[in-house]
Amino acid sequence: MILVFSYMIFIDSDANQHFMKDKELPKAVLFVMVLIFTGIILGTFALFYRLIYGVLTRKLKKNYSELERLEV
C-alpha cells in the first residue's frame, strides 16, 4: 500500500504524463484498487489468525477441563 501511494504521489507527476497519457488509470480507481487489495490481505491474515487462535484455544480449554476433572 505504501508503494502504491508513493507511486501516486511522487512518480505520477506532470513530467511523466506524456509517456503514459492514454494508459494511465485515474487516481480514484487506483486508490479504490489499493483499498480493496489491502482489505483482502488483511482479511486473509485475520482469517488465519482466527483459525490458529481458535484451534489453540480449543486445545487449551480441553486440557484445562481435563485438569479440573483430575483435581476433583
PDB file of N, CA and C in Angstrom:
ATOM      1  N   MET A   1       0.828  -1.175   0.000  1.00  0.00           N
ATOM      2  CA  MET A   1       0.000   0.000   0.000  1.00  0.00           C
ATOM      3  C   MET A   1       0.877   1.243   0.000  1.00  0.00           C
ATOM      4  N   ILE A   2       1.947   1.202   0.746  1.00  0.00           N
ATOM      5  CA  ILE A   2       2.866   2.334   0.801  1.00  0.00           C
ATOM      6  C   ILE A   2       3.507   2.563  -0.560  1.00  0.00           C
ATOM      7  N   LEU A   3       3.867   1.478  -1.240  1.00  0.00           N
ATOM      8  CA  LEU A   3       4.475   1.611  -2.558  1.00  0.00           C
ATOM      9  C   LEU A   3       3.523   2.249  -3.567  1.00  0.00           C
ATOM     10  N   VAL A   4       2.276   1.839  -3.539  1.00  0.00           N
ATOM     11  CA  VAL A   4       1.315   2.394  -4.495  1.00  0.00           C
ATOM     12  C   VAL A   4       1.056   3.863  -4.207  1.00  0.00           C
ATOM     13  N   PHE A   5       0.922   4.210  -2.942  1.00  0.00           N
ATOM     14  CA  PHE A   5       0.720   5.620  -2.612  1.00  0.00           C
ATOM     15  C   PHE A   5       1.944   6.457  -2.961  1.00  0.00           C
ATOM     16  N   SER A   6       3.138   5.879  -2.781  1.00  0.00           N
ATOM     17  CA  SER A   6       4.350   6.593  -3.182  1.00  0.00           C
ATOM     18  C   SER A   6       4.360   6.823  -4.684  1.00  0.00           C
ATOM     19  N   TYR A   7       3.941   5.814  -5.429  1.00  0.00           N
ATOM     20  CA  TYR A   7       3.847   5.960  -6.874  1.00  0.00           C
ATOM     21  C   TYR A   7       2.866   7.065  -7.238  1.00  0.00           C
ATOM     22  N   MET A   8       1.724   7.069  -6.582  1.00  0.00           N
ATOM     23  CA  MET A   8       0.703   8.077  -6.884  1.00  0.00           C
ATOM     24  C   MET A   8       1.204   9.494  -6.610  1.00  0.00           C
ATOM     25  N   ILE A   9       1.985   9.650  -5.571  1.00  0.00           N
ATOM     26  CA  ILE A   9       2.412  10.992  -5.175  1.00  0.00           C
ATOM     27  C   ILE A   9       3.660  11.439  -5.929  1.00  0.00           C
ATOM     28  N   PHE A  10       4.688  10.589  -5.980  1.00  0.00           N
ATOM     29  CA  PHE A  10       5.982  11.039  -6.477  1.00  0.00           C
ATOM     30  C   PHE A  10       6.231  10.735  -7.956  1.00  0.00           C
ATOM     31  N   ILE A  11       5.930   9.551  -8.414  1.00  0.00           N
ATOM     32  CA  ILE A  11       6.264   9.166  -9.777  1.00  0.00           C
ATOM     33  C   ILE A  11       5.246   9.685 -10.773  1.00  0.00           C
ATOM     34  N   ASP A  12       3.991   9.746 -10.387  1.00  0.00           N
ATOM     35  CA  ASP A  12       2.919  10.173 -11.274  1.00  0.00           C
ATOM     36  C   ASP A  12       2.882  11.707 -11.336  1.00  0.00           C
ATOM     37  N   SER A  13       3.904  12.299 -11.877  1.00  0.00           N
ATOM     38  CA  SER A  13       3.995  13.756 -11.952  1.00  0.00           C
ATOM     39  C   SER A  13       3.715  14.242 -13.375  1.00  0.00           C
ATOM     40  N   ASP A  14       3.741  15.537 -13.562  1.00  0.00           N
ATOM     41  CA  ASP A  14       3.499  16.114 -14.884  1.00  0.00           C
ATOM     42  C   ASP A  14       4.562  15.706 -15.899  1.00  0.00           C
ATOM     43  N   ALA A  15       5.772  15.501 -15.463  1.00  0.00           N
ATOM     44  CA  ALA A  15       6.846  15.127 -16.374  1.00  0.00           C
ATOM     45  C   ALA A  15       6.651  13.725 -16.928  1.00  0.00           C
ATOM     46  N   ASN A  16       5.963  12.887 -16.205  1.00  0.00           N
ATOM     47  CA  ASN A  16       5.780  11.507 -16.613  1.00  0.00           C
ATOM     48  C   ASN A  16       4.474  11.292 -17.383  1.00  0.00           C
ATOM     49  N   GLN A  17       3.604  12.263 -17.462  1.00  0.00           N
ATOM     50  CA  GLN A  17       2.294  12.076 -18.067  1.00  0.00           C
ATOM     51  C   GLN A  17       2.335  11.917 -19.578  1.00  0.00           C
ATOM     52  N   HIS A  18       3.278  12.524 -20.270  1.00  0.00           N
ATOM     53  CA  HIS A  18       3.299  12.396 -21.715  1.00  0.00           C
ATOM     54  C   HIS A  18       3.705  10.998 -22.178  1.00  0.00           C
ATOM     55  N   PHE A  19       4.353  10.187 -21.296  1.00  0.00           N
ATOM     56  CA  PHE A  19       4.701   8.818 -21.664  1.00  0.00           C
ATOM     57  C   PHE A  19       3.502   7.878 -21.560  1.00  0.00           C
ATOM     58  N   MET A  20       2.662   8.071 -20.562  1.00  0.00           N
ATOM     59  CA  MET A  20       1.563   7.160 -20.301  1.00  0.00           C
ATOM     60  C   MET A  20       0.213   7.877 -20.390  1.00  0.00           C
ATOM     61  N   LYS A  21       0.058   8.755 -21.326  1.00  0.00           N
ATOM     62  CA  LYS A  21      -1.138   9.581 -21.383  1.00  0.00           C
ATOM     63  C   LYS A  21      -2.411   8.764 -21.590  1.00  0.00           C
ATOM     64  N   ASP A  22      -2.401   7.794 -22.472  1.00  0.00           N
ATOM     65  CA  ASP A  22      -3.602   7.024 -22.761  1.00  0.00           C
ATOM     66  C   ASP A  22      -3.784   5.831 -21.831  1.00  0.00           C
ATOM     67  N   LYS A  23      -2.727   5.334 -21.250  1.00  0.00           N
ATOM     68  CA  LYS A  23      -2.791   4.115 -20.459  1.00  0.00           C
ATOM     69  C   LYS A  23      -2.903   4.374 -18.960  1.00  0.00           C
ATOM     70  N   GLU A  24      -2.996   5.587 -18.547  1.00  0.00           N
ATOM     71  CA  GLU A  24      -2.972   5.915 -17.124  1.00  0.00           C
ATOM     72  C   GLU A  24      -4.335   5.684 -16.476  1.00  0.00           C
ATOM     73  N   LEU A  25      -4.318   5.078 -15.288  1.00  0.00           N
ATOM     74  CA  LEU A  25      -5.535   4.891 -14.517  1.00  0.00           C
ATOM     75  C   LEU A  25      -5.815   6.164 -13.718  1.00  0.00           C
ATOM     76  N   PRO A  26      -7.073   6.524 -13.580  1.00  0.00           N
ATOM     77  CA  PRO A  26      -7.389   7.660 -12.707  1.00  0.00           C
ATOM     78  C   PRO A  26      -6.984   7.346 -11.268  1.00  0.00           C
ATOM     79  N   LYS A  27      -6.607   8.374 -10.530  1.00  0.00           N
ATOM     80  CA  LYS A  27      -6.137   8.156  -9.165  1.00  0.00           C
ATOM     81  C   LYS A  27      -7.217   7.590  -8.269  1.00  0.00           C
ATOM     82  N   ALA A  28      -8.468   7.946  -8.512  1.00  0.00           N
ATOM     83  CA  ALA A  28      -9.551   7.411  -7.686  1.00  0.00           C
ATOM     84  C   ALA A  28      -9.685   5.901  -7.876  1.00  0.00           C
ATOM     85  N   VAL A  29      -9.554   5.431  -9.111  1.00  0.00           N
ATOM     86  CA  VAL A  29      -9.640   3.993  -9.380  1.00  0.00           C
ATOM     87  C   VAL A  29      -8.464   3.276  -8.745  1.00  0.00           C
ATOM     88  N   LEU A  30      -7.287   3.852  -8.853  1.00  0.00           N
ATOM     89  CA  LEU A  30      -6.099   3.255  -8.252  1.00  0.00           C
ATOM     90  C   LEU A  30      -6.239   3.208  -6.735  1.00  0.00           C
ATOM     91  N   PHE A  31      -6.777   4.254  -6.147  1.00  0.00           N
ATOM     92  CA  PHE A  31      -6.971   4.312  -4.704  1.00  0.00           C
ATOM     93  C   PHE A  31      -7.955   3.232  -4.254  1.00  0.00           C
ATOM     94  N   VAL A  32      -9.044   3.059  -4.968  1.00  0.00           N
ATOM     95  CA  VAL A  32     -10.039   2.029  -4.627  1.00  0.00           C
ATOM     96  C   VAL A  32      -9.432   0.639  -4.772  1.00  0.00           C
ATOM     97  N   MET A  33      -8.645   0.430  -5.818  1.00  0.00           N
ATOM     98  CA  MET A  33      -7.991  -0.862  -6.001  1.00  0.00           C
ATOM     99  C   MET A  33      -7.029  -1.166  -4.852  1.00  0.00           C
ATOM    100  N   VAL A  34      -6.295  -0.163  -4.409  1.00  0.00           N
ATOM    101  CA  VAL A  34      -5.373  -0.349  -3.287  1.00  0.00           C
ATOM    102  C   VAL A  34      -6.152  -0.690  -2.022  1.00  0.00           C
ATOM    103  N   LEU A  35      -7.261   0.002  -1.783  1.00  0.00           N
ATOM    104  CA  LEU A  35      -8.062  -0.289  -0.595  1.00  0.00           C
ATOM    105  C   LEU A  35      -8.641  -1.701  -0.634  1.00  0.00           C
ATOM    106  N   ILE A  36      -9.112  -2.125  -1.785  1.00  0.00           N
ATOM    107  CA  ILE A  36      -9.664  -3.480  -1.917  1.00  0.00           C
ATOM    108  C   ILE A  36      -8.572  -4.522  -1.705  1.00  0.00           C
ATOM    109  N   PHE A  37      -7.417  -4.323  -2.337  1.00  0.00           N
ATOM    110  CA  PHE A  37      -6.303  -5.257  -2.173  1.00  0.00           C
ATOM    111  C   PHE A  37      -5.842  -5.319  -0.717  1.00  0.00           C
ATOM    112  N   THR A  38      -5.752  -4.162  -0.066  1.00  0.00           N
ATOM    113  CA  THR A  38      -5.354  -4.128   1.339  1.00  0.00           C
ATOM    114  C   THR A  38      -6.384  -4.845   2.206  1.00  0.00           C
ATOM    115  N   GLY A  39      -7.654  -4.654   1.905  1.00  0.00           N
ATOM    116  CA  GLY A  39      -8.705  -5.346   2.649  1.00  0.00           C
ATOM    117  C   GLY A  39      -8.628  -6.854   2.486  1.00  0.00           C
ATOM    118  N   ILE A  40      -8.330  -7.307   1.282  1.00  0.00           N
ATOM    119  CA  ILE A  40      -8.199  -8.745   1.036  1.00  0.00           C
ATOM    120  C   ILE A  40      -7.021  -9.313   1.816  1.00  0.00           C
ATOM    121  N   ILE A  41      -5.897  -8.620   1.786  1.00  0.00           N
ATOM    122  CA  ILE A  41      -4.713  -9.092   2.512  1.00  0.00           C
ATOM    123  C   ILE A  41      -4.974  -9.122   4.011  1.00  0.00           C
ATOM    124  N   LEU A  42      -5.546  -8.039   4.563  1.00  0.00           N
ATOM    125  CA  LEU A  42      -5.835  -8.006   5.994  1.00  0.00           C
ATOM    126  C   LEU A  42      -6.884  -9.051   6.376  1.00  0.00           C
ATOM    127  N   GLY A  43      -7.855  -9.268   5.517  1.00  0.00           N
ATOM    128  CA  GLY A  43      -8.856 -10.300   5.769  1.00  0.00           C
ATOM    129  C   GLY A  43      -8.245 -11.689   5.802  1.00  0.00           C
ATOM    130  N   THR A  44      -7.307 -11.942   4.902  1.00  0.00           N
ATOM    131  CA  THR A  44      -6.624 -13.238   4.881  1.00  0.00           C
ATOM    132  C   THR A  44      -5.824 -13.448   6.160  1.00  0.00           C
ATOM    133  N   PHE A  45      -5.094 -12.414   6.582  1.00  0.00           N
ATOM    134  CA  PHE A  45      -4.339 -12.517   7.833  1.00  0.00           C
ATOM    135  C   PHE A  45      -5.277 -12.726   9.018  1.00  0.00           C
ATOM    136  N   ALA A  46      -6.394 -12.017   9.055  1.00  0.00           N
ATOM    137  CA  ALA A  46      -7.350 -12.173  10.142  1.00  0.00           C
ATOM    138  C   ALA A  46      -7.943 -13.578  10.158  1.00  0.00           C
ATOM    139  N   LEU A  47      -8.220 -14.118   8.981  1.00  0.00           N
ATOM    140  CA  LEU A  47      -8.768 -15.466   8.897  1.00  0.00           C
ATOM    141  C   LEU A  47      -7.780 -16.494   9.438  1.00  0.00           C
ATOM    142  N   PHE A  48      -6.534 -16.414   9.028  1.00  0.00           N
ATOM    143  CA  PHE A  48      -5.530 -17.338   9.535  1.00  0.00           C
ATOM    144  C   PHE A  48      -5.321 -17.179  11.038  1.00  0.00           C
ATOM    145  N   TYR A  49      -5.338 -15.944  11.524  1.00  0.00           N
ATOM    146  CA  TYR A  49      -5.182 -15.695  12.957  1.00  0.00           C
ATOM    147  C   TYR A  49      -6.326 -16.335  13.726  1.00  0.00           C
ATOM    148  N   ARG A  50      -7.568 -16.112  13.255  1.00  0.00           N
ATOM    149  CA  ARG A  50      -8.722 -16.687  13.940  1.00  0.00           C
ATOM    150  C   ARG A  50      -8.676 -18.208  13.897  1.00  0.00           C
ATOM    151  N   LEU A  51      -8.250 -18.756  12.780  1.00  0.00           N
ATOM    152  CA  LEU A  51      -8.171 -20.205  12.644  1.00  0.00           C
ATOM    153  C   LEU A  51      -7.162 -20.782  13.626  1.00  0.00           C
ATOM    154  N   ILE A  52      -5.966 -20.236  13.648  1.00  0.00           N
ATOM    155  CA  ILE A  52      -4.915 -20.734  14.548  1.00  0.00           C
ATOM    156  C   ILE A  52      -5.290 -20.467  15.998  1.00  0.00           C
ATOM    157  N   TYR A  53      -5.789 -19.273  16.292  1.00  0.00           N
ATOM    158  CA  TYR A  53      -6.181 -18.928  17.658  1.00  0.00           C
ATOM    159  C   TYR A  53      -7.317 -19.833  18.135  1.00  0.00           C
ATOM    160  N   GLY A  54      -8.271 -20.106  17.267  1.00  0.00           N
ATOM    161  CA  GLY A  54      -9.384 -20.973  17.635  1.00  0.00           C
ATOM    162  C   GLY A  54      -8.930 -22.388  17.931  1.00  0.00           C
ATOM    163  N   VAL A  55      -8.041 -22.921  17.122  1.00  0.00           N
ATOM    164  CA  VAL A  55      -7.540 -24.284  17.338  1.00  0.00           C
ATOM    165  C   VAL A  55      -6.783 -24.364  18.656  1.00  0.00           C
ATOM    166  N   LEU A  56      -5.905 -23.406  18.896  1.00  0.00           N
ATOM    167  CA  LEU A  56      -5.119 -23.426  20.130  1.00  0.00           C
ATOM    168  C   LEU A  56      -5.999 -23.216  21.358  1.00  0.00           C
ATOM    169  N   THR A  57      -6.984 -22.341  21.261  1.00  0.00           N
ATOM    170  CA  THR A  57      -7.878 -22.093  22.387  1.00  0.00           C
ATOM    171  C   THR A  57      -8.702 -23.331  22.703  1.00  0.00           C
ATOM    172  N   ARG A  58      -9.186 -24.022  21.664  1.00  0.00           N
ATOM    173  CA  ARG A  58      -9.935 -25.256  21.891  1.00  0.00           C
ATOM    174  C   ARG A  58      -9.079 -26.310  22.597  1.00  0.00           C
ATOM    175  N   LYS A  59      -7.824 -26.435  22.171  1.00  0.00           N
ATOM    176  CA  LYS A  59      -6.941 -27.412  22.810  1.00  0.00           C
ATOM    177  C   LYS A  59      -6.667 -27.031  24.258  1.00  0.00           C
ATOM    178  N   LEU A  60      -6.436 -25.737  24.521  1.00  0.00           N
ATOM    179  CA  LEU A  60      -6.187 -25.299  25.888  1.00  0.00           C
ATOM    180  C   LEU A  60      -7.411 -25.512  26.770  1.00  0.00           C
ATOM    181  N   LYS A  61      -8.583 -25.220  26.252  1.00  0.00           N
ATOM    182  CA  LYS A  61      -9.813 -25.411  27.030  1.00  0.00           C
ATOM    183  C   LYS A  61     -10.025 -26.891  27.344  1.00  0.00           C
ATOM    184  N   LYS A  62      -9.745 -27.752  26.364  1.00  0.00           N
ATOM    185  CA  LYS A  62      -9.871 -29.194  26.576  1.00  0.00           C
ATOM    186  C   LYS A  62      -8.900 -29.663  27.658  1.00  0.00           C
ATOM    187  N   ASN A  63      -7.649 -29.202  27.586  1.00  0.00           N
ATOM    188  CA  ASN A  63      -6.653 -29.579  28.591  1.00  0.00           C
ATOM    189  C   ASN A  63      -7.023 -29.038  29.964  1.00  0.00           C
ATOM    190  N   TYR A  64      -7.545 -27.816  30.005  1.00  0.00           N
ATOM    191  CA  TYR A  64      -7.931 -27.219  31.284  1.00  0.00           C
ATOM    192  C   TYR A  64      -9.084 -27.986  31.924  1.00  0.00           C
ATOM    193  N   SER A  65     -10.066 -28.347  31.127  1.00  0.00           N
ATOM    194  CA  SER A  65     -11.196 -29.108  31.676  1.00  0.00           C
ATOM    195  C   SER A  65     -10.740 -30.488  32.156  1.00  0.00           C
ATOM    196  N   GLU A  66      -9.789 -31.088  31.464  1.00  0.00           N
ATOM    197  CA  GLU A  66      -9.263 -32.379  31.901  1.00  0.00           C
ATOM    198  C   GLU A  66      -8.495 -32.238  33.208  1.00  0.00           C
ATOM    199  N   LEU A  67      -7.728 -31.169  33.351  1.00  0.00           N
ATOM    200  CA  LEU A  67      -7.004 -30.921  34.601  1.00  0.00           C
ATOM    201  C   LEU A  67      -7.979 -30.669  35.751  1.00  0.00           C
ATOM    202  N   GLU A  68      -9.049 -29.931  35.499  1.00  0.00           N
ATOM    203  CA  GLU A  68     -10.050 -29.695  36.551  1.00  0.00           C
ATOM    204  C   GLU A  68     -10.698 -31.014  36.966  1.00  0.00           C
ATOM    205  N   ARG A  69     -10.969 -31.881  36.019  1.00  0.00           N
ATOM    206  CA  ARG A  69     -11.591 -33.166  36.313  1.00  0.00           C
ATOM    207  C   ARG A  69     -10.659 -34.025  37.156  1.00  0.00           C
ATOM    208  N   LEU A  70      -9.335 -33.961  36.883  1.00  0.00           N
ATOM    209  CA  LEU A  70      -8.380 -34.773  37.623  1.00  0.00           C
ATOM    210  C   LEU A  70      -8.179 -34.250  39.043  1.00  0.00           C
ATOM    211  N   GLU A  71      -8.323 -32.963  39.269  1.00  0.00           N
ATOM    212  CA  GLU A  71      -8.107 -32.376  40.596  1.00  0.00           C
ATOM    213  C   GLU A  71      -9.239 -32.711  41.555  1.00  0.00           C
ATOM    214  N   VAL A  72     -10.419 -32.943  41.064  1.00  0.00           N
ATOM    215  CA  VAL A  72     -11.573 -33.185  41.930  1.00  0.00           C
ATOM    216  C   VAL A  72     -11.563 -34.550  42.486  1.00  0.00           C
TER     217      VAL A  72
END
